């Protein structure tokens, strides 16, 4: 298929690769009007220049610009498909790029107390599109339009489906292997707040009479063996009010890391202070590399704290090539409009980067703590998200913690929700 444009840009190529090439639809671009006019293969004109007899789609300027779109796009309609409208032009391709590039996050000042971009402030949430992979819906609609208008069969292939459990290790142990001072202060706090059961559990674990409730690493290892795409992200930051894991030098912690690293890749769970701190980011990546003996290539930010484009630029500088932070804490869904892995597009330089973005669909705490869903409602939400990924392709990726899958305290009845993911996949 031949596509005419007045200018070939990086934004355009990036978008067409996502919409067409990733579905194995072959295309060529030309800005040679004479060549396009004389070509006899299936073709369409994506410009404001008119060609007699050629299918014409008038584009918005977004894919041919090098600036951020500062206005909030309106909702428009492209041949019975709702999409975004830029300068009064409803454009499916421009819509895909706007959402996939996360352009709205560059513009937004609506941040929560952790300086995170908020789901409720997102365009997809306001439009009712957050729970569906809208970029894939637009991609399919665009291909269907071309097939119908050009009377061809582009033989687009649906992206493959993958299943990916992921785990964040914020606190390796609840009670075990803590130094005397931390244990004493924690015990005092338990007594002050009259948390008798927790105080008793602490004493049992410390005396060797019980297993630490956060030590669910046998379960995680077995899941990694059974589901090879499993990913684990380990917090190794300095102790702060938000980062409270054991020291990276703790031998018990290192043993658990090596145990899991034998079964699956371990990525760094960069601490809450690293989003804008390259030096600390580098230190934590090196800590993990020294323990595993492997170069640290993957990351998820602790608390999902990241700022675009600064955090992604620092990750690239630190040697990270895969980031798994793309999702919301307070809401489920498709933050970037897709469940597919895609390269990050740096809007400041208008270029594709080597950083691959791996979205996730939901987090354990989102279901129980933010949304306060019942077990049945949580399982239904998981089923709905799974169905969407199955339908459009991509990776059904979900985030749990070693603390939550063991069913300790407030998570006591939530294991059935966790295992709902695996029931769906095994059906």
Protein backbone atom coordinates (compact mmCIF):
# COMPACT_ATOMS: atom_id res chain seq x y z
CA UNK A 1 0.00 0.00 0.00
CA UNK A 2 1.26 3.45 -0.95
CA UNK A 3 0.60 6.50 1.21
CA UNK A 4 1.10 10.06 0.04
CA UNK A 5 2.04 12.77 2.51
CA UNK A 6 3.45 16.23 1.97
CA UNK A 7 6.10 15.66 4.65
CA UNK A 8 7.52 12.46 6.11
CA UNK A 9 8.02 12.95 9.84
CA UNK A 10 9.17 10.85 12.79
CA UNK A 11 5.76 11.25 14.42
CA UNK A 12 4.05 9.88 11.32
CA UNK A 13 6.42 6.92 10.97
CA UNK A 14 6.05 6.05 14.66
CA UNK A 15 2.26 6.08 14.40
CA UNK A 16 2.07 4.08 11.18
CA UNK A 17 4.41 1.46 12.62
CA UNK A 18 2.07 1.03 15.60
CA UNK A 19 -1.13 1.03 13.54
CA UNK A 20 0.00 -0.88 10.44
CA UNK A 21 3.47 -2.43 10.53
CA UNK A 22 3.01 -4.08 13.93
CA UNK A 23 -0.01 -5.80 12.37
CA UNK A 24 2.16 -6.86 9.43
CA UNK A 25 0.45 -4.47 7.04
CA UNK A 26 3.10 -3.41 4.58
CA UNK A 27 3.15 0.18 3.37
CA UNK A 28 5.36 2.71 1.66
CA UNK A 29 5.41 6.47 2.07
CA UNK A 30 6.03 9.02 -0.63
CA UNK A 31 5.97 12.78 -0.90
CA UNK A 32 6.51 12.60 -4.66
CA UNK A 33 3.18 13.72 -6.10
CA UNK A 34 3.99 12.55 -9.64
CA UNK A 35 4.99 9.10 -8.45
CA UNK A 36 1.86 8.82 -6.33
CA UNK A 37 -0.39 9.98 -9.14
CA UNK A 38 0.94 7.36 -11.54
CA UNK A 39 1.08 4.45 -9.07
CA UNK A 40 -1.43 1.65 -9.70
CA UNK A 41 -1.16 -0.17 -6.37
CA UNK A 42 -3.65 0.40 -3.51
CA UNK A 43 -3.01 3.91 -2.23
CA UNK A 44 -4.47 6.73 -0.21
CA UNK A 45 -3.70 10.39 0.13
CA UNK A 46 -3.06 11.61 3.66
CA UNK A 47 -2.68 15.29 2.87
CA UNK A 48 -4.57 18.40 1.85
CA UNK A 49 -3.38 18.06 -1.74
CA UNK A 50 -6.08 16.65 -4.01
CA UNK A 51 -5.49 13.82 -6.46
CA UNK A 52 -8.25 12.86 -8.85
CA UNK A 53 -9.62 9.41 -8.10
CA UNK A 54 -7.45 8.81 -5.02
CA UNK A 55 -8.87 8.17 -1.56
CA UNK A 56 -8.17 11.26 0.51
CA UNK A 57 -7.97 11.56 4.30
CA UNK A 58 -7.38 15.13 5.40
CA UNK A 59 -4.96 15.10 8.32
CA UNK A 60 -4.73 17.13 11.46
CA UNK A 61 -1.40 18.92 11.77
CA UNK A 62 -0.30 16.98 14.88
CA UNK A 63 1.78 14.36 13.06
CA UNK A 64 3.48 17.01 10.92
CA UNK A 65 4.33 19.38 13.74
CA UNK A 66 7.24 19.42 16.18
CA UNK A 67 5.46 21.18 19.05
CA UNK A 68 3.28 19.99 21.91
CA UNK A 69 -0.44 20.33 21.32
CA UNK A 70 -1.34 22.63 24.18
CA UNK A 71 -5.10 22.57 23.85
CA UNK A 72 -7.34 19.82 25.18
CA UNK A 73 -8.51 17.80 22.15
CA UNK A 74 -12.23 17.61 21.61
CA UNK A 75 -14.16 14.45 20.77
CA UNK A 76 -14.93 14.05 17.10
CA UNK A 77 -16.05 11.30 14.75
CA UNK A 78 -14.21 9.67 11.88
CA UNK A 79 -16.61 7.57 9.80
CA UNK A 80 -18.73 6.48 12.77
CA UNK A 81 -15.74 5.99 15.09
CA UNK A 82 -15.37 8.39 18.01
CA UNK A 83 -11.85 9.75 18.26
CA UNK A 84 -9.96 12.92 19.07
CA UNK A 85 -10.34 16.09 17.12
CA UNK A 86 -7.51 18.53 16.55
CA UNK A 87 -8.24 21.96 15.09
CA UNK A 88 -11.71 20.71 14.06
CA UNK A 89 -10.32 17.66 12.24
CA UNK A 90 -11.18 14.20 13.57
CA UNK A 91 -8.09 12.12 12.86
CA UNK A 92 -7.62 8.49 13.94
CA UNK A 93 -3.86 8.47 13.35
CA UNK A 94 -3.30 11.71 15.24
CA UNK A 95 -5.50 10.35 18.05
CA UNK A 96 -3.29 7.27 18.39
CA UNK A 97 -0.14 9.37 18.55
CA UNK A 98 -1.54 11.82 21.09
CA UNK A 99 -2.52 9.06 23.52
CA UNK A 100 0.45 6.75 22.93
CA UNK A 101 3.02 9.52 23.32
CA UNK A 102 1.33 10.63 26.58
CA UNK A 103 1.35 14.22 25.34
CA UNK A 104 -1.32 15.25 27.81
CA UNK A 105 1.04 14.38 30.68
CA UNK A 106 3.54 16.96 29.46
CA UNK A 107 0.83 19.60 29.64
CA UNK A 108 -0.95 18.62 32.85
CA UNK A 109 -0.61 20.40 36.17
CA UNK A 110 -3.13 18.09 37.86
CA UNK A 111 -0.92 15.99 40.13
CA UNK A 112 -1.63 14.16 43.37
CA UNK A 113 0.26 14.48 46.67
CA UNK A 114 3.01 12.21 45.29
CA UNK A 115 3.31 14.37 42.16
CA UNK A 116 1.71 11.67 40.00
CA UNK A 117 -0.44 12.32 36.97
CA UNK A 118 -3.96 11.34 37.99
CA UNK A 119 -6.27 8.98 36.17
CA UNK A 120 -9.34 11.09 36.82
CA UNK A 121 -7.69 14.02 35.11
CA UNK A 122 -6.83 12.04 31.99
CA UNK A 123 -8.58 12.53 28.70
CA UNK A 124 -9.31 8.81 28.39
CA UNK A 125 -11.06 8.75 31.76
CA UNK A 126 -13.16 11.81 30.96
CA UNK A 127 -14.16 10.32 27.59
CA UNK A 128 -15.01 6.91 29.09
CA UNK A 129 -12.23 5.18 27.19
CA UNK A 130 -9.85 4.24 30.01
CA UNK A 131 -11.07 0.65 30.44
CA UNK A 132 -10.55 -0.21 26.77
CA UNK A 133 -7.37 -0.23 24.65
CA UNK A 134 -8.56 2.73 22.63
CA UNK A 135 -5.43 3.03 20.48
CA UNK A 136 -5.96 -0.53 19.27
CA UNK A 137 -9.64 0.17 18.64
CA UNK A 138 -8.67 3.18 16.53
CA UNK A 139 -6.04 1.12 14.71
CA UNK A 140 -8.54 -1.57 13.78
CA UNK A 141 -11.11 1.05 12.73
CA UNK A 142 -8.54 2.71 10.48
CA UNK A 143 -7.62 -0.55 8.77
CA UNK A 144 -11.30 -1.47 8.31
CA UNK A 145 -11.90 1.94 6.74
CA UNK A 146 -9.04 1.42 4.28
CA UNK A 147 -10.22 -2.08 3.38
CA UNK A 148 -13.73 -0.83 2.69
CA UNK A 149 -12.76 2.31 0.82
CA UNK A 150 -9.95 0.79 -1.25
CA UNK A 151 -11.79 -2.53 -1.70
CA UNK A 152 -8.74 -4.50 -0.60
CA UNK A 153 -7.80 -6.93 2.13
CA UNK A 154 -4.74 -5.63 3.94
CA UNK A 155 -4.56 -8.94 5.86
CA UNK A 156 -3.86 -7.26 9.16
CA UNK A 157 -2.86 -9.65 11.94
CA UNK A 158 -4.03 -9.15 15.49
CA UNK A 159 -1.10 -8.62 17.88
CA UNK A 160 -0.25 -11.70 19.89
CA UNK A 161 -1.70 -12.18 23.38
CA UNK A 162 0.63 -12.64 26.35
CA UNK A 163 0.05 -13.28 30.04
CA UNK A 164 2.36 -11.56 32.51
CA UNK A 165 2.20 -11.65 36.32
CA UNK A 166 4.42 -8.98 37.88
CA UNK A 167 5.42 -8.48 41.49
CA UNK A 168 6.83 -5.49 43.34
CA UNK A 169 8.94 -6.23 46.40
CA UNK A 170 8.55 -3.18 48.63
CA UNK A 171 9.17 -5.04 51.90
CA UNK A 172 10.90 -8.39 51.66
CA UNK A 173 9.90 -9.34 55.18
CA UNK A 174 7.30 -8.08 57.62
CA UNK A 175 9.19 -9.00 60.78
CA UNK A 176 12.18 -11.20 60.02
CA UNK A 177 15.78 -10.04 59.61
CA UNK A 178 15.13 -6.53 60.87
CA UNK A 179 17.78 -5.06 63.19
CA UNK A 180 17.07 -4.71 66.90
CA UNK A 181 16.28 -1.01 66.73
CA UNK A 182 13.71 -1.37 63.91
CA UNK A 183 12.12 -4.35 65.63
CA UNK A 184 11.91 -2.54 68.95
CA UNK A 185 10.37 0.59 67.43
CA UNK A 186 7.89 -1.50 65.43
CA UNK A 187 6.92 -3.49 68.52
CA UNK A 188 6.40 -0.28 70.47
CA UNK A 189 4.20 1.07 67.69
CA UNK A 190 2.13 -2.13 67.66
CA UNK A 191 1.57 -1.80 71.41
CA UNK A 192 0.71 1.90 71.19
CA UNK A 193 -1.94 1.26 68.52
CA UNK A 194 -3.09 -1.91 70.31
CA UNK A 195 -2.27 -4.14 67.35
CA UNK A 196 -2.07 -7.22 69.53
CA UNK A 197 -2.29 -9.81 66.75
CA UNK A 198 0.51 -8.17 64.78
CA UNK A 199 2.67 -7.92 67.90
CA UNK A 200 2.14 -11.63 68.58
CA UNK A 201 2.98 -12.52 64.98
CA UNK A 202 6.14 -10.48 65.22
CA UNK A 203 7.29 -12.36 68.32
CA UNK A 204 6.53 -15.73 66.73
CA UNK A 205 8.50 -14.91 63.59
CA UNK A 206 11.41 -13.40 65.52
CA UNK A 207 11.60 -16.49 67.73
CA UNK A 208 11.46 -18.89 64.78
CA UNK A 209 8.01 -20.28 65.60
CA UNK A 210 6.36 -18.98 62.43
CA UNK A 211 7.24 -18.08 58.84
CA UNK A 212 7.31 -14.41 57.97
CA UNK A 213 3.95 -13.56 56.31
CA UNK A 214 5.63 -11.59 53.54
CA UNK A 215 7.90 -14.51 52.64
CA UNK A 216 5.84 -15.67 49.69
CA UNK A 217 8.84 -16.17 47.44
CA UNK A 218 8.26 -19.90 46.93
CA UNK A 219 4.89 -18.96 45.43
CA UNK A 220 6.46 -16.28 43.25
CA UNK A 221 9.21 -18.67 42.11
CA UNK A 222 6.65 -21.34 41.18
CA UNK A 223 4.60 -18.79 39.24
CA UNK A 224 7.73 -17.68 37.40
CA UNK A 225 8.46 -21.28 36.43
CA UNK A 226 4.94 -21.84 35.17
CA UNK A 227 4.54 -18.44 33.49
CA UNK A 228 7.90 -17.49 31.93
CA UNK A 229 6.98 -13.86 31.26
CA UNK A 230 6.71 -13.17 35.00
CA UNK A 231 8.65 -10.10 36.13
CA UNK A 232 9.76 -9.13 39.65
CA UNK A 233 10.90 -5.65 40.71
CA UNK A 234 12.94 -5.23 43.90
CA UNK A 235 13.21 -2.09 46.01
CA UNK A 236 16.82 -1.46 47.06
CA UNK A 237 16.70 2.24 47.87
CA UNK A 238 17.91 4.00 50.97
CA UNK A 239 15.58 3.95 53.98
CA UNK A 240 13.07 6.81 53.83
CA UNK A 241 9.50 7.40 54.95
CA UNK A 242 8.32 5.87 51.65
CA UNK A 243 11.09 3.33 51.05
CA UNK A 244 11.36 0.94 53.96
CA UNK A 245 12.87 -2.24 52.64
CA UNK A 246 15.91 -3.86 54.18
CA UNK A 247 19.36 -2.73 53.21
CA UNK A 248 20.71 -4.07 49.93
CA UNK A 249 23.56 -5.50 52.03
CA UNK A 250 21.23 -7.68 54.11
CA UNK A 251 22.22 -11.29 53.49
CA UNK A 252 18.69 -12.70 53.90
CA UNK A 253 17.39 -10.25 51.32
CA UNK A 254 20.19 -11.03 48.91
CA UNK A 255 19.41 -14.74 49.25
CA UNK A 256 15.78 -14.15 48.26
CA UNK A 257 16.84 -12.03 45.28
CA UNK A 258 19.17 -14.75 44.05
CA UNK A 259 16.45 -17.37 44.54
CA UNK A 260 14.01 -15.48 42.32
CA UNK A 261 16.71 -14.43 39.83
CA UNK A 262 17.32 -18.12 39.16
CA UNK A 263 13.77 -18.41 37.79
CA UNK A 264 13.02 -15.06 36.14
CA UNK A 265 14.44 -11.64 35.39
CA UNK A 266 14.54 -9.24 38.32
CA UNK A 267 14.20 -5.58 37.57
CA UNK A 268 14.93 -2.67 39.84
CA UNK A 269 12.05 -1.08 41.75
CA UNK A 270 13.52 2.41 41.80
CA UNK A 271 12.79 4.24 45.01
CA UNK A 272 10.47 7.20 45.52
CA UNK A 273 13.31 9.75 45.31
CA UNK A 274 14.70 8.61 41.95
CA UNK A 275 12.10 10.06 39.58
CA UNK A 276 14.24 13.18 39.17
CA UNK A 277 17.52 11.97 40.72
CA UNK A 278 19.89 10.30 38.26
CA UNK A 279 22.68 9.69 40.78
CA UNK A 280 20.42 7.74 43.13
CA UNK A 281 18.87 5.90 40.18
CA UNK A 282 22.33 4.80 39.08
CA UNK A 283 23.27 3.67 42.59
CA UNK A 284 20.19 1.47 42.96
CA UNK A 285 20.60 -0.10 39.52
CA UNK A 286 24.18 -0.97 40.40
CA UNK A 287 23.11 -2.50 43.74
CA UNK A 288 20.84 -4.95 41.95
CA UNK A 289 23.46 -5.74 39.31
CA UNK A 290 26.01 -6.59 42.00
CA UNK A 291 23.61 -9.02 43.67
CA UNK A 292 22.34 -10.77 40.54
CA UNK A 293 25.52 -10.55 38.47
CA UNK A 294 23.42 -9.24 35.58
CA UNK A 295 23.06 -5.83 33.99
CA UNK A 296 19.93 -4.06 35.22
CA UNK A 297 17.74 -3.37 32.19
CA UNK A 298 14.19 -3.25 33.60
CA UNK A 299 12.47 -0.97 36.07
CA UNK A 300 9.22 -0.03 37.73
CA UNK A 301 9.09 3.18 39.79
CA UNK A 302 8.07 2.81 43.44
CA UNK A 303 4.56 4.21 44.01
CA UNK A 304 4.49 4.54 40.20
CA UNK A 305 6.12 7.93 40.70
CA UNK A 306 7.43 9.29 37.42
CA UNK A 307 7.35 12.56 35.54
CA UNK A 308 7.41 12.88 31.77
CA UNK A 309 9.76 13.34 30.10
CA UNK A 310 12.34 13.75 32.86
CA UNK A 311 12.13 10.28 34.45
CA UNK A 312 12.25 8.46 31.13
CA UNK A 313 15.28 10.48 30.02
CA UNK A 314 17.08 9.55 33.23
CA UNK A 315 16.17 5.88 32.81
CA UNK A 316 17.72 5.86 29.36
CA UNK A 317 20.83 7.52 30.72
CA UNK A 318 21.02 4.87 33.45
CA UNK A 319 20.91 2.06 30.89
CA UNK A 320 17.31 1.01 31.52
CA UNK A 321 15.66 -0.27 28.36
CA UNK A 322 12.33 -1.57 29.71
CA UNK A 323 9.98 0.33 31.99
CA UNK A 324 6.87 -1.18 33.59
CA UNK A 325 5.46 1.92 35.32
CA UNK A 326 2.75 2.73 32.75
CA UNK A 327 -0.44 2.38 34.76
CA UNK A 328 -2.39 4.19 37.44
CA UNK A 329 -2.47 3.68 41.19
CA UNK A 330 -6.02 4.90 41.76
CA UNK A 331 -7.70 3.37 38.71
CA UNK A 332 -7.49 0.32 36.47
CA UNK A 333 -7.30 0.43 32.70
CA UNK A 334 -5.10 1.36 29.78
CA UNK A 335 -3.17 4.52 30.62
CA UNK A 336 -1.51 4.67 27.20
CA UNK A 337 -4.52 3.29 25.32
CA UNK A 338 -2.97 -0.13 24.70
CA UNK A 339 -1.78 -3.33 26.35
CA UNK A 340 1.01 -3.68 23.80
CA UNK A 341 4.66 -2.93 24.45
CA UNK A 342 5.75 0.16 22.54
CA UNK A 343 8.86 2.34 22.27
CA UNK A 344 8.75 5.66 24.08
CA UNK A 345 8.58 8.66 21.78
CA UNK A 346 10.49 11.63 23.13
CA UNK A 347 8.33 14.64 22.27
CA UNK A 348 11.06 17.13 23.16
CA UNK A 349 13.34 15.80 20.42
CA UNK A 350 10.60 14.27 18.26
CA UNK A 351 12.32 10.93 18.05
CA UNK A 352 11.78 7.28 18.93
CA UNK A 353 13.92 6.09 21.81
CA UNK A 354 15.34 2.74 22.96
CA UNK A 355 13.12 2.73 26.06
CA UNK A 356 10.35 0.15 25.72
CA UNK A 357 7.15 0.84 27.66
CA UNK A 358 5.29 -2.15 29.12
CA UNK A 359 1.82 -1.13 30.36
CA UNK A 360 0.01 -2.94 33.17
CA UNK A 361 -3.77 -3.12 33.54
CA UNK A 362 -4.28 -3.02 37.28
CA UNK A 363 -2.61 -3.19 40.69
CA UNK A 364 -3.74 -5.15 43.76
CA UNK A 365 -4.02 -1.99 45.88
CA UNK A 366 -6.10 -0.29 43.20
CA UNK A 367 -8.82 -2.89 43.52
CA UNK A 368 -8.91 -3.17 47.29
CA UNK A 369 -7.66 0.14 48.68
CA UNK A 370 -8.36 2.83 46.10
CA UNK A 371 -11.57 1.49 44.54
CA UNK A 372 -12.59 -0.54 47.61
CA UNK A 373 -14.10 -3.27 45.45
CA UNK A 374 -15.62 -6.38 46.95
CA UNK A 375 -13.99 -9.66 46.01
CA UNK A 376 -16.69 -10.37 43.44
CA UNK A 377 -16.47 -6.88 41.97
CA UNK A 378 -12.67 -7.09 41.84
CA UNK A 379 -12.79 -10.42 40.02
CA UNK A 380 -15.30 -9.00 37.55
CA UNK A 381 -13.04 -6.02 36.88
CA UNK A 382 -10.15 -8.42 36.20
CA UNK A 383 -12.33 -10.45 33.85
CA UNK A 384 -13.38 -7.32 31.98
CA UNK A 385 -9.78 -6.16 31.52
CA UNK A 386 -8.63 -9.63 30.50
CA UNK A 387 -11.40 -9.81 27.90
CA UNK A 388 -10.29 -6.52 26.36
CA UNK A 389 -6.67 -7.63 26.06
CA UNK A 390 -7.71 -10.98 24.62
CA UNK A 391 -9.90 -9.23 22.07
CA UNK A 392 -7.33 -6.72 20.81
CA UNK A 393 -4.01 -8.39 21.58
CA UNK A 394 -1.16 -7.32 23.79
CA UNK A 395 0.04 -8.35 27.22
CA UNK A 396 -2.33 -8.87 30.12
CA UNK A 397 0.04 -7.56 32.78
CA UNK A 398 -1.00 -7.14 36.41
CA UNK A 399 0.81 -5.95 39.53
CA UNK A 400 0.76 -7.63 42.93
CA UNK A 401 3.13 -7.60 45.91
CA UNK A 402 4.74 -10.33 47.97
CA UNK A 403 2.93 -8.72 50.93
CA UNK A 404 -0.54 -9.17 49.43
CA UNK A 405 -0.51 -12.62 47.86
CA UNK A 406 0.05 -14.36 51.20
CA UNK A 407 -3.29 -13.29 52.60
CA UNK A 408 -1.95 -11.58 55.71
CA UNK A 409 -4.25 -9.33 57.77
CA UNK A 410 -6.30 -7.00 55.49
CA UNK A 411 -5.47 -9.26 52.54
CA UNK A 412 -6.74 -12.40 54.27
CA UNK A 413 -9.68 -12.92 51.96
CA UNK A 414 -8.11 -11.57 48.79
CA UNK A 415 -6.19 -14.55 47.52
CA UNK A 416 -9.19 -15.68 45.50
CA UNK A 417 -8.94 -12.38 43.62
CA UNK A 418 -5.25 -12.99 42.90
CA UNK A 419 -5.85 -16.49 41.56
CA UNK A 420 -8.69 -15.29 39.34
CA UNK A 421 -6.00 -14.13 36.89
CA UNK A 422 -4.64 -17.63 36.49
CA UNK A 423 -8.08 -19.22 36.23
CA UNK A 424 -8.82 -16.94 33.29
CA UNK A 425 -5.59 -17.85 31.53
CA UNK A 426 -5.98 -21.58 32.08
CA UNK A 427 -9.57 -21.69 30.79
